[in-house]
């Protein structure tokens, strides 16, 4: 770097001396022998310039191209001694950080050494290479911090050349293809390529056609393989009257709990079942509201047989139709009154459909049900002749999503050789709702039953709850033992028919009821206010009424089953079952 700087300094000194020699009448030494003479040459040049300034005309009076300038140093030759970026800055009159000289300065004179020029703002830096017209061009020094002499100011004729015309660059032309321009693709013009394209096109079209035909064939085959059943309506009940239609509905009245140990006494009272505003209400009430508080626990005899209202299969069955409250024995009257309505004497179906649209009751330990029982019990006592539970639920208030209460619909088929051997666990299922629970809003619950199978659903047939195909006998499904625990022999109750449908191959009727409590295990919550094994479960339930009664709500709508409509259809063409000309309606 120091060698380069010395070389540049020598070039600058040499060129300045040539300028002085070219425009001075006095002979100047031709050369300088050393770098020390460079500094002296600058000083001598300034002295000679001052002595002859009045006698020698300045270069700005001899413009370039006038023919009077000495040919010893042309403008191009002068600029050729400097780097290009320095020449550009000199021409623009900009300040330059002369790192190659080791210090910062303006070319020519500047700062305080510049004489004032009339009409020029002294605060604005001047071009170091510009001389006012008609003025002399003395060599004025610009102090240097490194002891290096400043660059002398040049004559105006050299420092202000005319601007050469810039050579225009050719406009860039993009090679990106125009999206609207058709591009020729010669490889696509061949006959072989066109033939291949035609083959590919028709192969693609053929594949689509074949696929569509195959899809149609699969759909048709599946549709044709499903038996198409036709149903005829036998009951269309919309409760448009002012009272329950006795030609359709029959009230079952018992006190014995219907084999489940239920805590209600079913009545025909309008307190427990009635029609209002197009709806059927089935509402549980307190027996004490009708008979008084004392009658529940002591000294009251309830005998439906003597009253002539008992509807049990055996009216003389004391457990089913009568009870005597006695505080000393702990026996109480059924603490709840409710209702059970059946279509046993009006509408039955052997295969068909059932739909009930209803809102279920809300309240702890309330047990609503929509179900069916056989009209004639062809195969014997329950459960040999079967039972179809379309809908069952628990009315308890839902506290979390895992509860099995008002948001769950259960469907079950009961069947077996005896009450101790009920095979329902093989044929039961449930469906849970996560909003608009069954005891909060109206829902349709239904069942479709054919010789091929049976399924239950809610709201529409796509929402299946329990689905069962009659593809094996229920005796084989139950895998029952050959002998009961008491030593009696267990035999298949359905062999004579030789089909896999029995006992569900006979007429069934519809039941709507609201039960409360029970000891059969339907309620098995650790917090329930009674024990299923207690001898006086009814009494325990009644004693703890303060825990469950507040959950029932104050209105019949809240704690009752509110039924909007009931519809039943028979399967056409079934032997022994005729479709009526018009369904039973209300």
Protein backbone atom coordinates (compact mmCIF):
# COMPACT_ATOMS: atom_id res chain seq x y z
CA UNK A 1 0.00 0.00 0.00
CA UNK A 2 2.86 2.47 0.85
CA UNK A 3 4.56 1.74 -2.51
CA UNK A 4 1.31 2.41 -4.31
CA UNK A 5 0.83 5.67 -2.43
CA UNK A 6 4.39 6.81 -3.30
CA UNK A 7 3.89 6.05 -6.94
CA UNK A 8 0.65 8.01 -7.06
CA UNK A 9 2.30 10.96 -5.29
CA UNK A 10 5.11 10.99 -7.88
CA UNK A 11 2.59 10.89 -10.75
CA UNK A 12 0.65 13.81 -9.31
CA UNK A 13 3.82 15.88 -8.81
CA UNK A 14 5.06 15.14 -12.31
CA UNK A 15 1.78 16.16 -13.91
CA UNK A 16 1.58 19.38 -11.94
CA UNK A 17 5.07 20.31 -13.09
CA UNK A 18 4.09 19.73 -16.69
CA UNK A 19 1.16 22.12 -16.23
CA UNK A 20 3.47 24.80 -14.84
CA UNK A 21 5.98 24.30 -17.67
CA UNK A 22 3.33 24.47 -20.33
CA UNK A 23 1.90 27.79 -19.19
CA UNK A 24 4.88 29.61 -17.69
CA UNK A 25 7.34 31.80 -19.67
CA UNK A 26 10.14 30.77 -17.36
CA UNK A 27 12.02 27.52 -17.98
CA UNK A 28 11.36 24.89 -15.31
CA UNK A 29 13.54 21.91 -14.53
CA UNK A 30 12.49 18.95 -16.59
CA UNK A 31 12.70 16.31 -13.84
CA UNK A 32 12.94 15.77 -10.12
CA UNK A 33 15.30 13.21 -8.85
CA UNK A 34 13.60 12.12 -5.68
CA UNK A 35 10.39 12.16 -3.73
CA UNK A 36 11.80 14.95 -1.58
CA UNK A 37 11.91 17.20 -4.63
CA UNK A 38 8.21 16.61 -5.19
CA UNK A 39 7.28 18.74 -2.25
CA UNK A 40 9.70 21.43 -3.41
CA UNK A 41 8.31 21.40 -6.90
CA UNK A 42 4.86 22.21 -5.54
CA UNK A 43 6.29 25.18 -3.64
CA UNK A 44 8.32 26.46 -6.64
CA UNK A 45 5.36 26.07 -8.92
CA UNK A 46 3.22 28.19 -6.63
CA UNK A 47 5.94 30.85 -6.51
CA UNK A 48 6.41 30.96 -10.23
CA UNK A 49 2.68 31.04 -10.78
CA UNK A 50 2.29 34.07 -8.53
CA UNK A 51 5.16 35.89 -10.24
CA UNK A 52 3.85 35.38 -13.74
CA UNK A 53 0.10 35.42 -13.17
CA UNK A 54 -0.20 38.89 -14.58
CA UNK A 55 1.88 38.13 -17.65
CA UNK A 56 0.57 34.69 -18.60
CA UNK A 57 -3.05 34.23 -19.53
CA UNK A 58 -5.01 31.60 -17.50
CA UNK A 59 -6.13 28.42 -19.13
CA UNK A 60 -9.79 29.22 -18.76
CA UNK A 61 -9.20 31.89 -21.36
CA UNK A 62 -7.97 29.15 -23.68
CA UNK A 63 -10.84 26.67 -23.86
CA UNK A 64 -10.21 23.14 -24.86
CA UNK A 65 -10.55 22.73 -28.57
CA UNK A 66 -9.54 26.35 -29.24
CA UNK A 67 -6.13 25.24 -30.62
CA UNK A 68 -4.18 27.32 -28.11
CA UNK A 69 -3.76 24.72 -25.37
CA UNK A 70 -0.36 23.08 -25.16
CA UNK A 71 -0.43 19.56 -26.49
CA UNK A 72 1.97 18.41 -23.77
CA UNK A 73 -0.91 17.46 -21.38
CA UNK A 74 -4.41 16.97 -22.62
CA UNK A 75 -7.50 16.62 -20.46
CA UNK A 76 -7.76 12.90 -21.24
CA UNK A 77 -4.11 12.37 -20.34
CA UNK A 78 -4.58 14.12 -17.02
CA UNK A 79 -7.63 12.06 -16.00
CA UNK A 80 -5.98 8.85 -17.12
CA UNK A 81 -3.57 9.07 -14.20
CA UNK A 82 -6.29 8.61 -11.59
CA UNK A 83 -8.63 5.75 -10.72
CA UNK A 84 -11.97 5.90 -12.52
CA UNK A 85 -14.02 6.46 -9.36
CA UNK A 86 -11.76 9.37 -8.40
CA UNK A 87 -12.15 10.97 -11.84
CA UNK A 88 -15.94 10.66 -11.53
CA UNK A 89 -15.91 12.38 -8.18
CA UNK A 90 -13.57 15.09 -9.49
CA UNK A 91 -15.98 15.77 -12.33
CA UNK A 92 -18.97 15.88 -9.95
CA UNK A 93 -17.11 18.17 -7.58
CA UNK A 94 -17.74 15.78 -4.64
CA UNK A 95 -15.53 15.36 -1.63
CA UNK A 96 -13.51 12.21 -1.63
CA UNK A 97 -12.10 10.15 1.18
CA UNK A 98 -8.61 9.87 -0.29
CA UNK A 99 -7.69 6.72 1.51
CA UNK A 100 -5.00 6.14 -1.08
CA UNK A 101 -3.41 9.48 -0.04
CA UNK A 102 -3.81 8.76 3.64
CA UNK A 103 -5.99 11.77 4.44
CA UNK A 104 -9.35 13.39 3.69
CA UNK A 105 -9.37 16.52 1.51
CA UNK A 106 -11.11 18.31 -1.35
CA UNK A 107 -9.31 18.16 -4.63
CA UNK A 108 -7.82 21.54 -5.41
CA UNK A 109 -8.29 24.19 -2.85
CA UNK A 110 -11.15 24.39 -0.39
CA UNK A 111 -12.23 25.45 3.03
CA UNK A 112 -10.64 28.58 4.45
CA UNK A 113 -8.01 28.96 1.72
CA UNK A 114 -10.63 29.58 -0.96
CA UNK A 115 -11.08 33.27 -1.77
CA UNK A 116 -14.62 34.55 -1.58
CA UNK A 117 -16.47 34.75 -4.84
CA UNK A 118 -19.21 37.32 -5.28
CA UNK A 119 -22.67 35.78 -5.43
CA UNK A 120 -21.53 32.37 -4.13
CA UNK A 121 -22.55 31.06 -0.70
CA UNK A 122 -19.24 30.35 1.10
CA UNK A 123 -20.96 27.69 3.29
CA UNK A 124 -21.55 25.48 0.24
CA UNK A 125 -18.50 23.39 -0.77
CA UNK A 126 -17.21 24.36 -4.19
CA UNK A 127 -15.89 22.15 -6.89
CA UNK A 128 -12.16 22.02 -6.32
CA UNK A 129 -11.59 21.94 -10.06
CA UNK A 130 -13.77 24.91 -10.99
CA UNK A 131 -12.38 28.41 -11.60
CA UNK A 132 -14.53 31.46 -12.06
CA UNK A 133 -14.52 32.78 -15.60
CA UNK A 134 -11.71 35.24 -16.25
CA UNK A 135 -9.93 34.55 -12.99
CA UNK A 136 -6.42 33.34 -12.43
CA UNK A 137 -5.86 29.84 -11.12
CA UNK A 138 -3.31 30.13 -8.36
CA UNK A 139 -2.09 27.02 -6.60
CA UNK A 140 -3.46 27.37 -3.09
CA UNK A 141 -2.49 24.90 -0.42
CA UNK A 142 -4.88 22.86 1.64
CA UNK A 143 -3.27 21.89 4.94
CA UNK A 144 -2.46 18.21 5.29
CA UNK A 145 -2.40 16.21 8.49
CA UNK A 146 0.06 13.74 7.07
CA UNK A 147 2.56 16.15 5.55
CA UNK A 148 1.46 15.26 2.06
CA UNK A 149 1.06 18.29 -0.26
CA UNK A 150 -2.47 19.08 -1.35
CA UNK A 151 -3.59 18.51 -4.89
CA UNK A 152 -3.32 21.78 -6.90
CA UNK A 153 -6.41 23.35 -8.39
CA UNK A 154 -6.70 22.83 -12.11
CA UNK A 155 -7.61 25.30 -14.83
CA UNK A 156 -11.32 25.49 -15.56
CA UNK A 157 -10.84 24.34 -19.11
CA UNK A 158 -9.55 20.99 -17.94
CA UNK A 159 -11.88 20.42 -14.99
CA UNK A 160 -15.13 21.14 -16.78
CA UNK A 161 -15.24 19.10 -19.98
CA UNK A 162 -18.43 18.88 -21.97
CA UNK A 163 -20.68 15.89 -21.00
CA UNK A 164 -20.12 13.07 -23.49
CA UNK A 165 -23.30 11.54 -24.77
CA UNK A 166 -24.05 8.32 -22.88
CA UNK A 167 -24.32 5.32 -25.05
CA UNK A 168 -27.87 3.99 -24.81
CA UNK A 169 -28.11 0.45 -23.57
CA UNK A 170 -30.26 -1.89 -25.55
CA UNK A 171 -33.68 -2.38 -23.95
CA UNK A 172 -33.93 -5.74 -22.20
CA UNK A 173 -36.35 -8.09 -23.86
CA UNK A 174 -37.85 -10.81 -21.69
CA UNK A 175 -37.73 -14.37 -22.91
CA UNK A 176 -40.74 -15.41 -20.81
CA UNK A 177 -43.46 -16.89 -22.97
CA UNK A 178 -46.62 -14.88 -23.43
CA UNK A 179 -49.51 -16.76 -21.93
CA UNK A 180 -51.69 -15.81 -24.90
CA UNK A 181 -49.09 -16.81 -27.44
CA UNK A 182 -49.45 -20.21 -28.99
CA UNK A 183 -46.24 -22.15 -28.68
CA UNK A 184 -45.43 -24.54 -31.38
CA UNK A 185 -44.65 -28.04 -30.15
CA UNK A 186 -43.39 -30.00 -33.10
CA UNK A 187 -43.14 -33.27 -31.19
CA UNK A 188 -46.94 -33.25 -30.87
CA UNK A 189 -47.49 -33.09 -34.61
CA UNK A 190 -46.40 -36.61 -35.31
CA UNK A 191 -49.01 -39.13 -36.37
CA UNK A 192 -47.84 -41.61 -33.76
CA UNK A 193 -48.34 -39.05 -31.01
CA UNK A 194 -51.82 -38.12 -32.22
CA UNK A 195 -52.77 -41.76 -32.41
CA UNK A 196 -51.50 -42.35 -28.87
CA UNK A 197 -53.50 -39.36 -27.62
CA UNK A 198 -56.69 -40.69 -29.19
CA UNK A 199 -56.14 -44.09 -27.63
CA UNK A 200 -55.49 -42.57 -24.19
CA UNK A 201 -58.59 -40.40 -24.45
CA UNK A 202 -60.92 -43.24 -25.35
CA UNK A 203 -59.31 -45.50 -22.78
CA UNK A 204 -60.04 -42.88 -20.11
CA UNK A 205 -63.65 -42.47 -21.28
CA UNK A 206 -64.11 -46.24 -21.36
CA UNK A 207 -62.81 -46.53 -17.80
CA UNK A 208 -65.31 -43.96 -16.57
CA UNK A 209 -68.20 -45.68 -18.34
CA UNK A 210 -67.21 -49.10 -17.01
CA UNK A 211 -66.85 -47.70 -13.49
CA UNK A 212 -70.29 -46.11 -13.61
CA UNK A 213 -71.87 -49.30 -14.92
CA UNK A 214 -70.17 -51.31 -12.17
CA UNK A 215 -71.40 -48.88 -9.51
CA UNK A 216 -74.95 -49.08 -10.84
CA UNK A 217 -74.74 -52.88 -10.85
CA UNK A 218 -73.53 -52.98 -7.25
CA UNK A 219 -76.23 -50.59 -6.09
CA UNK A 220 -78.95 -52.47 -7.92
CA UNK A 221 -77.73 -55.84 -6.65
CA UNK A 222 -77.71 -54.56 -3.09
CA UNK A 223 -81.15 -53.03 -3.47
CA UNK A 224 -82.58 -56.16 -5.07
CA UNK A 225 -81.12 -58.39 -2.36
CA UNK A 226 -83.06 -56.55 0.36
CA UNK A 227 -86.59 -57.70 0.77
CA UNK A 228 -89.07 -54.94 0.18
CA UNK A 229 -91.81 -54.95 2.80
CA UNK A 230 -95.08 -53.12 2.64
CA UNK A 231 -96.75 -51.96 5.81
CA UNK A 232 -100.35 -50.98 6.45
CA UNK A 233 -101.33 -48.64 9.26
CA UNK A 234 -103.50 -50.07 12.03
CA UNK A 235 -103.35 -47.20 14.56
CA UNK A 236 -102.95 -43.45 14.10
CA UNK A 237 -103.47 -41.73 17.45
CA UNK A 238 -102.95 -37.97 17.70
CA UNK A 239 -104.98 -37.32 20.91
CA UNK A 240 -107.17 -34.73 19.27
CA UNK A 241 -110.08 -35.34 21.66
CA UNK A 242 -110.68 -34.10 25.17
CA UNK A 243 -110.21 -37.45 26.92
CA UNK A 244 -108.43 -40.76 26.50
CA UNK A 245 -110.17 -42.88 23.88
CA UNK A 246 -111.37 -46.10 25.62
CA UNK A 247 -111.69 -47.80 22.23
CA UNK A 248 -107.91 -47.61 21.87
CA UNK A 249 -106.43 -47.45 25.35
CA UNK A 250 -106.98 -49.67 28.34
CA UNK A 251 -105.75 -48.82 31.87
CA UNK A 252 -103.99 -51.59 33.75
CA UNK A 253 -104.53 -51.24 37.51
CA UNK A 254 -102.35 -53.11 39.98
CA UNK A 255 -100.48 -52.55 43.24
CA UNK A 256 -97.91 -55.35 43.20
CA UNK A 257 -95.12 -53.77 41.13
CA UNK A 258 -95.58 -55.92 37.98
CA UNK A 259 -92.83 -58.36 38.92
CA UNK A 260 -90.18 -55.61 39.15
CA UNK A 261 -90.87 -54.47 42.71
CA UNK A 262 -91.97 -51.05 41.42
CA UNK A 263 -93.18 -48.50 43.97
CA UNK A 264 -96.29 -47.23 42.13
CA UNK A 265 -99.95 -48.11 42.13
CA UNK A 266 -101.29 -47.80 38.59
CA UNK A 267 -104.69 -46.15 38.35
CA UNK A 268 -107.27 -44.93 35.85
CA UNK A 269 -107.49 -41.59 37.65
CA UNK A 270 -107.34 -38.40 35.63
CA UNK A 271 -104.69 -37.28 38.10
CA UNK A 272 -102.33 -39.75 36.48
CA UNK A 273 -103.41 -39.88 32.82
CA UNK A 274 -105.37 -37.42 30.73
CA UNK A 275 -105.52 -35.67 27.36
CA UNK A 276 -104.93 -31.94 27.09
CA UNK A 277 -104.22 -29.68 24.11
CA UNK A 278 -103.56 -32.61 21.80
CA UNK A 279 -101.18 -34.44 24.15
CA UNK A 280 -101.49 -37.51 26.35
CA UNK A 281 -100.07 -36.97 29.84
CA UNK A 282 -98.93 -39.87 32.05
CA UNK A 283 -97.93 -38.34 35.38
CA UNK A 284 -96.69 -39.87 38.64
CA UNK A 285 -98.19 -38.33 41.80
CA UNK A 286 -97.93 -38.93 45.55
CA UNK A 287 -100.46 -41.37 46.98
CA UNK A 288 -100.60 -39.15 50.06
CA UNK A 289 -102.15 -36.42 47.91
CA UNK A 290 -105.17 -38.69 47.38
CA UNK A 291 -105.38 -40.67 50.66
CA UNK A 292 -103.49 -38.58 53.21
CA UNK A 293 -100.08 -39.00 54.81
CA UNK A 294 -101.17 -41.39 57.59
CA UNK A 295 -102.81 -43.85 55.21
CA UNK A 296 -99.46 -44.53 53.58
CA UNK A 297 -97.81 -45.96 56.67
CA UNK A 298 -100.56 -47.39 58.85
CA UNK A 299 -104.15 -48.57 59.00
CA UNK A 300 -105.29 -48.37 55.38
CA UNK A 301 -106.51 -51.31 53.32
CA UNK A 302 -106.26 -51.05 49.56
CA UNK A 303 -108.11 -53.87 47.73
CA UNK A 304 -108.61 -53.50 44.00
CA UNK A 305 -110.25 -56.90 43.73
CA UNK A 306 -113.15 -55.94 45.95
CA UNK A 307 -113.32 -52.60 44.17
CA UNK A 308 -113.61 -54.45 40.87
CA UNK A 309 -110.75 -52.54 39.26
CA UNK A 310 -107.94 -55.07 39.37
CA UNK A 311 -106.72 -55.97 35.88
CA UNK A 312 -104.19 -58.63 36.84
CA UNK A 313 -104.30 -61.95 35.03
CA UNK A 314 -105.49 -63.41 38.33
CA UNK A 315 -107.76 -60.86 40.03
CA UNK A 316 -107.59 -62.84 43.26
CA UNK A 317 -103.82 -62.43 43.44
CA UNK A 318 -103.43 -60.67 46.78
CA UNK A 319 -99.94 -59.37 46.02
CA UNK A 320 -101.04 -57.86 42.71
CA UNK A 321 -104.30 -56.24 43.76
CA UNK A 322 -104.34 -55.54 47.51
CA UNK A 323 -102.18 -54.19 50.32
CA UNK A 324 -102.67 -53.21 53.98
CA UNK A 325 -100.46 -50.55 55.57
CA UNK A 326 -99.11 -51.51 58.99
CA UNK A 327 -96.49 -49.55 60.86
CA UNK A 328 -95.65 -52.50 63.10
CA UNK A 329 -94.71 -54.71 60.15
CA UNK A 330 -93.24 -51.90 58.06
CA UNK A 331 -95.61 -52.53 55.16
CA UNK A 332 -96.78 -49.34 53.45
CA UNK A 333 -99.08 -48.54 50.58
CA UNK A 334 -97.44 -47.87 47.23
CA UNK A 335 -96.22 -44.27 47.87
CA UNK A 336 -96.68 -43.28 44.19
CA UNK A 337 -99.69 -43.37 41.88
CA UNK A 338 -99.14 -43.51 38.13
CA UNK A 339 -100.66 -45.01 34.96
CA UNK A 340 -100.09 -47.79 32.45
CA UNK A 341 -101.96 -47.68 29.11
CA UNK A 342 -102.11 -50.64 26.71
CA UNK A 343 -103.61 -51.47 23.28
CA UNK A 344 -104.27 -55.11 24.14
CA UNK A 345 -107.91 -54.94 23.12
CA UNK A 346 -107.61 -52.63 20.13
CA UNK A 347 -104.39 -52.80 18.14
CA UNK A 348 -101.81 -55.57 17.85
CA UNK A 349 -99.19 -56.42 15.26
CA UNK A 350 -97.34 -59.54 14.16
CA UNK A 351 -94.38 -57.97 12.41
CA UNK A 352 -94.71 -54.34 11.54
CA UNK A 353 -93.69 -50.90 12.78
CA UNK A 354 -94.31 -48.73 15.83
CA UNK A 355 -93.54 -45.03 16.31
CA UNK A 356 -94.21 -42.92 19.41
CA UNK A 357 -93.36 -39.24 19.58
CA UNK A 358 -93.01 -38.09 23.16
CA UNK A 359 -91.08 -36.13 25.77
CA UNK A 360 -90.00 -38.30 28.67
CA UNK A 361 -90.34 -37.39 32.37
CA UNK A 362 -87.62 -35.70 34.38
CA UNK A 363 -87.05 -36.63 38.02
CA UNK A 364 -84.95 -38.98 40.11
CA UNK A 365 -85.94 -42.67 40.01
CA UNK A 366 -88.72 -42.18 37.43
CA UNK A 367 -88.78 -45.03 34.91
CA UNK A 368 -90.59 -44.31 31.59
CA UNK A 369 -91.09 -47.07 29.03
CA UNK A 370 -92.51 -47.70 25.55
CA UNK A 371 -92.69 -51.46 25.08
CA UNK A 372 -94.68 -54.48 23.84
CA UNK A 373 -95.95 -57.73 25.31
CA UNK A 374 -97.47 -60.80 23.59
CA UNK A 375 -101.24 -60.83 23.36
CA UNK A 376 -101.68 -64.56 23.89
CA UNK A 377 -98.35 -65.69 25.43
CA UNK A 378 -98.18 -68.62 23.05
CA UNK A 379 -95.02 -70.09 24.57
CA UNK A 380 -95.91 -69.67 28.23
CA UNK A 381 -95.32 -67.22 31.05
CA UNK A 382 -92.73 -64.47 30.96
CA UNK A 383 -90.14 -64.55 29.50
CA UNK A 384 -90.90 -67.68 27.46
CA UNK A 385 -93.22 -65.71 25.15
CA UNK A 386 -90.88 -62.74 24.87
CA UNK A 387 -90.93 -59.00 25.54
CA UNK A 388 -89.94 -56.10 23.26
CA UNK A 389 -88.65 -52.98 25.03
CA UNK A 390 -88.54 -50.22 22.42
CA UNK A 391 -87.59 -47.45 24.83
CA UNK A 392 -86.57 -47.36 28.49
CA UNK A 393 -84.78 -44.64 30.37
CA UNK A 394 -84.06 -43.24 33.81
CA UNK A 395 -85.44 -39.81 34.61
CA UNK A 396 -82.65 -38.77 36.97
CA UNK A 397 -81.10 -35.36 36.47
CA UNK A 398 -78.02 -35.62 34.24
CA UNK A 399 -74.94 -34.38 36.10
CA UNK A 400 -72.20 -35.43 33.68
CA UNK A 401 -71.97 -36.89 30.20
CA UNK A 402 -71.23 -40.39 31.49
CA UNK A 403 -74.48 -40.68 33.44
CA UNK A 404 -76.98 -43.29 32.28
CA UNK A 405 -80.09 -41.23 32.87
CA UNK A 406 -82.39 -39.06 30.76
CA UNK A 407 -79.96 -38.79 27.86
CA UNK A 408 -79.79 -42.55 27.15
CA UNK A 409 -82.31 -44.71 25.28
CA UNK A 410 -82.21 -48.44 26.04
CA UNK A 411 -83.75 -51.16 23.86
CA UNK A 412 -83.98 -54.82 24.89
CA UNK A 413 -85.47 -58.16 23.87
CA UNK A 414 -86.39 -60.44 26.78
CA UNK A 415 -86.62 -64.20 26.21
CA UNK A 416 -85.72 -67.38 28.08
CA UNK A 417 -87.01 -70.67 29.50
CA UNK A 418 -87.85 -69.15 32.92
CA UNK A 419 -87.73 -65.91 34.90
CA UNK A 420 -84.42 -67.01 36.39
CA UNK A 421 -82.92 -67.52 32.93
CA UNK A 422 -83.62 -64.39 30.95
CA UNK A 423 -81.27 -64.09 27.97
CA UNK A 424 -81.74 -60.32 27.55
CA UNK A 425 -78.03 -59.59 28.01
CA UNK A 426 -77.42 -60.93 24.50
CA UNK A 427 -80.02 -58.62 22.95
CA UNK A 428 -79.77 -55.19 24.56
CA UNK A 429 -78.19 -51.92 23.52
CA UNK A 430 -78.38 -48.19 24.18
CA UNK A 431 -77.82 -44.85 22.52
CA UNK A 432 -76.70 -41.65 24.21
CA UNK A 433 -77.66 -38.07 23.33
CA UNK A 434 -75.38 -35.14 24.14
CA UNK A 435 -77.99 -32.42 23.83
CA UNK A 436 -81.78 -32.19 23.71
CA UNK A 437 -82.12 -35.18 26.01
CA UNK A 438 -85.10 -37.50 25.83
CA UNK A 439 -86.50 -35.87 28.99
CA UNK A 440 -85.90 -32.34 27.68
CA UNK A 441 -87.38 -32.38 24.19
CA UNK A 442 -89.73 -34.40 21.99
CA UNK A 443 -88.24 -37.37 20.16
CA UNK A 444 -89.67 -40.15 18.03
CA UNK A 445 -88.84 -43.65 19.26
CA UNK A 446 -89.66 -46.56 16.99
CA UNK A 447 -89.25 -50.19 16.01
CA UNK A 448 -89.40 -52.15 12.76
CA UNK A 449 -90.00 -55.90 12.95
CA UNK A 450 -89.97 -58.39 10.07
CA UNK A 451 -89.37 -62.15 9.71
CA UNK A 452 -85.73 -61.29 8.94
CA UNK A 453 -85.02 -59.30 12.06
CA UNK A 454 -85.85 -56.33 14.24
CA UNK A 455 -84.33 -52.95 15.02
CA UNK A 456 -85.23 -49.97 17.20
CA UNK A 457 -84.38 -46.34 16.51
CA UNK A 458 -84.93 -42.74 17.55
CA UNK A 459 -86.03 -39.80 15.38
CA UNK A 460 -85.48 -41.72 12.11
CA UNK A 461 -84.64 -45.32 11.09
CA UNK A 462 -81.02 -44.40 10.44
CA UNK A 463 -80.44 -43.78 14.16
CA UNK A 464 -80.52 -47.43 15.13
CA UNK A 465 -80.25 -48.40 18.78
CA UNK A 466 -80.71 -52.19 18.83
CA UNK A 467 -80.50 -54.28 15.66
CA UNK A 468 -81.02 -58.03 15.65
CA UNK A 469 -81.11 -60.58 12.83
CA UNK A 470 -83.11 -63.77 13.24
CA UNK A 471 -80.26 -65.97 12.04
CA UNK A 472 -80.03 -68.43 14.96
CA UNK A 473 -82.41 -69.83 17.53
CA UNK A 474 -82.70 -68.02 20.82
CA UNK A 475 -82.21 -71.30 22.66
CA UNK A 476 -78.77 -71.72 21.09
CA UNK A 477 -78.01 -68.05 21.60
CA UNK A 478 -78.77 -68.25 25.32
CA UNK A 479 -76.58 -71.32 25.85
CA UNK A 480 -78.79 -72.29 28.76
CA UNK A 481 -77.97 -75.17 31.11
CA UNK A 482 -79.94 -78.37 30.94
CA UNK A 483 -80.98 -78.10 34.59
CA UNK A 484 -81.98 -75.18 36.79
CA UNK A 485 -80.40 -74.46 40.15
CA UNK A 486 -83.38 -76.02 41.92
CA UNK A 487 -82.82 -79.25 40.04
CA UNK A 488 -85.61 -78.85 37.52
CA UNK A 489 -84.90 -79.59 33.89
CA UNK A 490 -84.64 -76.75 31.40
CA UNK A 491 -85.97 -77.46 27.93
CA UNK A 492 -86.22 -75.47 24.75
CA UNK A 493 -89.66 -73.78 24.83
CA UNK A 494 -89.64 -73.03 21.06
CA UNK A 495 -88.75 -76.27 19.17
CA UNK A 496 -92.08 -76.96 17.46
CA UNK A 497 -91.83 -74.00 15.09
CA UNK A 498 -88.44 -74.96 13.71
CA UNK A 499 -87.51 -71.32 13.02
CA UNK A 500 -85.15 -68.80 14.51
CA UNK A 501 -87.79 -66.13 15.16
CA UNK A 502 -89.70 -67.61 18.13
CA UNK A 503 -90.83 -66.28 20.53
CA UNK A 504 -91.09 -63.12 18.35
CA UNK A 505 -93.43 -64.70 15.81
CA UNK A 506 -96.76 -63.86 17.45
CA UNK A 507 -98.98 -60.83 18.04
CA UNK A 508 -97.76 -58.12 20.41
CA UNK A 509 -99.56 -55.08 21.82
CA UNK A 510 -98.19 -51.68 22.82
CA UNK A 511 -97.70 -50.37 26.38
CA UNK A 512 -97.01 -46.79 27.56
CA UNK A 513 -96.23 -46.38 31.25
CA UNK A 514 -94.34 -44.36 33.84
CA UNK A 515 -93.01 -46.44 36.73
CA UNK A 516 -91.12 -45.26 39.82
CA UNK A 517 -88.32 -47.18 41.52
CA UNK A 518 -88.08 -50.96 41.70
CA UNK A 519 -85.96 -53.77 43.06
CA UNK A 520 -85.20 -55.75 39.88
CA UNK A 521 -81.84 -54.02 39.32
CA UNK A 522 -82.88 -51.44 36.72
CA UNK A 523 -81.79 -48.87 39.30
CA UNK A 524 -78.47 -49.82 40.83
CA UNK A 525 -76.95 -46.50 41.77
CA UNK A 526 -74.91 -46.38 45.01
CA UNK A 527 -76.68 -43.14 45.97
CA UNK A 528 -80.23 -44.39 45.54
CA UNK A 529 -82.32 -44.02 48.72
CA UNK A 530 -83.23 -47.71 49.09
CA UNK A 531 -81.68 -51.14 48.85
CA UNK A 532 -82.83 -53.63 46.25
CA UNK A 533 -82.35 -56.39 48.82
CA UNK A 534 -84.39 -54.72 51.57
CA UNK A 535 -87.68 -56.32 52.64
CA UNK A 536 -89.22 -52.85 52.91
CA UNK A 537 -87.66 -51.06 49.94
CA UNK A 538 -90.84 -49.01 49.44
CA UNK A 539 -90.61 -47.76 53.01
CA UNK A 540 -86.96 -46.71 52.59
CA UNK A 541 -87.81 -44.87 49.39
CA UNK A 542 -90.70 -43.03 51.04
CA UNK A 543 -88.70 -42.07 54.13
CA UNK A 544 -86.10 -40.39 51.91
CA UNK A 545 -88.60 -38.46 49.78
CA UNK A 546 -86.88 -35.15 50.61
CA UNK A 547 -83.92 -36.27 48.47
CA UNK A 548 -85.83 -37.13 45.29
CA UNK A 549 -89.13 -35.25 45.33
CA UNK A 550 -87.54 -31.79 44.66
CA UNK A 551 -86.05 -33.14 41.41
CA UNK A 552 -89.45 -33.97 39.94
CA UNK A 553 -90.46 -30.43 39.15
CA UNK A 554 -93.70 -28.66 39.92
CA UNK A 555 -95.60 -29.28 36.66
CA UNK A 556 -97.03 -32.36 34.99
CA UNK A 557 -95.06 -31.47 31.87
CA UNK A 558 -91.76 -31.76 33.77
CA UNK A 559 -92.35 -35.00 35.64
CA UNK A 560 -94.70 -36.71 33.19
CA UNK A 561 -94.47 -38.52 29.88
CA UNK A 562 -96.05 -36.18 27.32
CA UNK A 563 -97.10 -38.10 24.19
CA UNK A 564 -97.74 -36.29 20.92
CA UNK A 565 -98.66 -39.25 18.69
CA UNK A 566 -98.72 -43.04 18.46
CA UNK A 567 -98.64 -44.99 15.18
CA UNK A 568 -98.67 -48.72 14.46
CA UNK A 569 -98.32 -50.58 11.15
CA UNK A 570 -98.77 -54.23 10.29
CA UNK A 571 -96.69 -56.08 7.75
CA UNK A 572 -98.87 -56.88 4.74
CA UNK A 573 -99.20 -60.45 3.60
CA UNK A 574 -98.46 -62.07 6.96
CA UNK A 575 -100.63 -65.11 7.55
CA UNK A 576 -103.42 -64.46 10.01
CA UNK A 577 -102.99 -60.67 9.99
CA UNK A 578 -105.26 -58.52 7.87
CA UNK A 579 -104.76 -54.84 7.21
CA UNK A 580 -107.87 -52.82 8.09
CA UNK A 581 -109.54 -50.76 5.42
CA UNK A 582 -108.89 -47.69 7.57
CA UNK A 583 -106.63 -47.45 10.61
CA UNK A 584 -107.99 -46.73 14.06
CA UNK A 585 -107.80 -43.00 14.70
CA UNK A 586 -108.89 -40.56 17.32
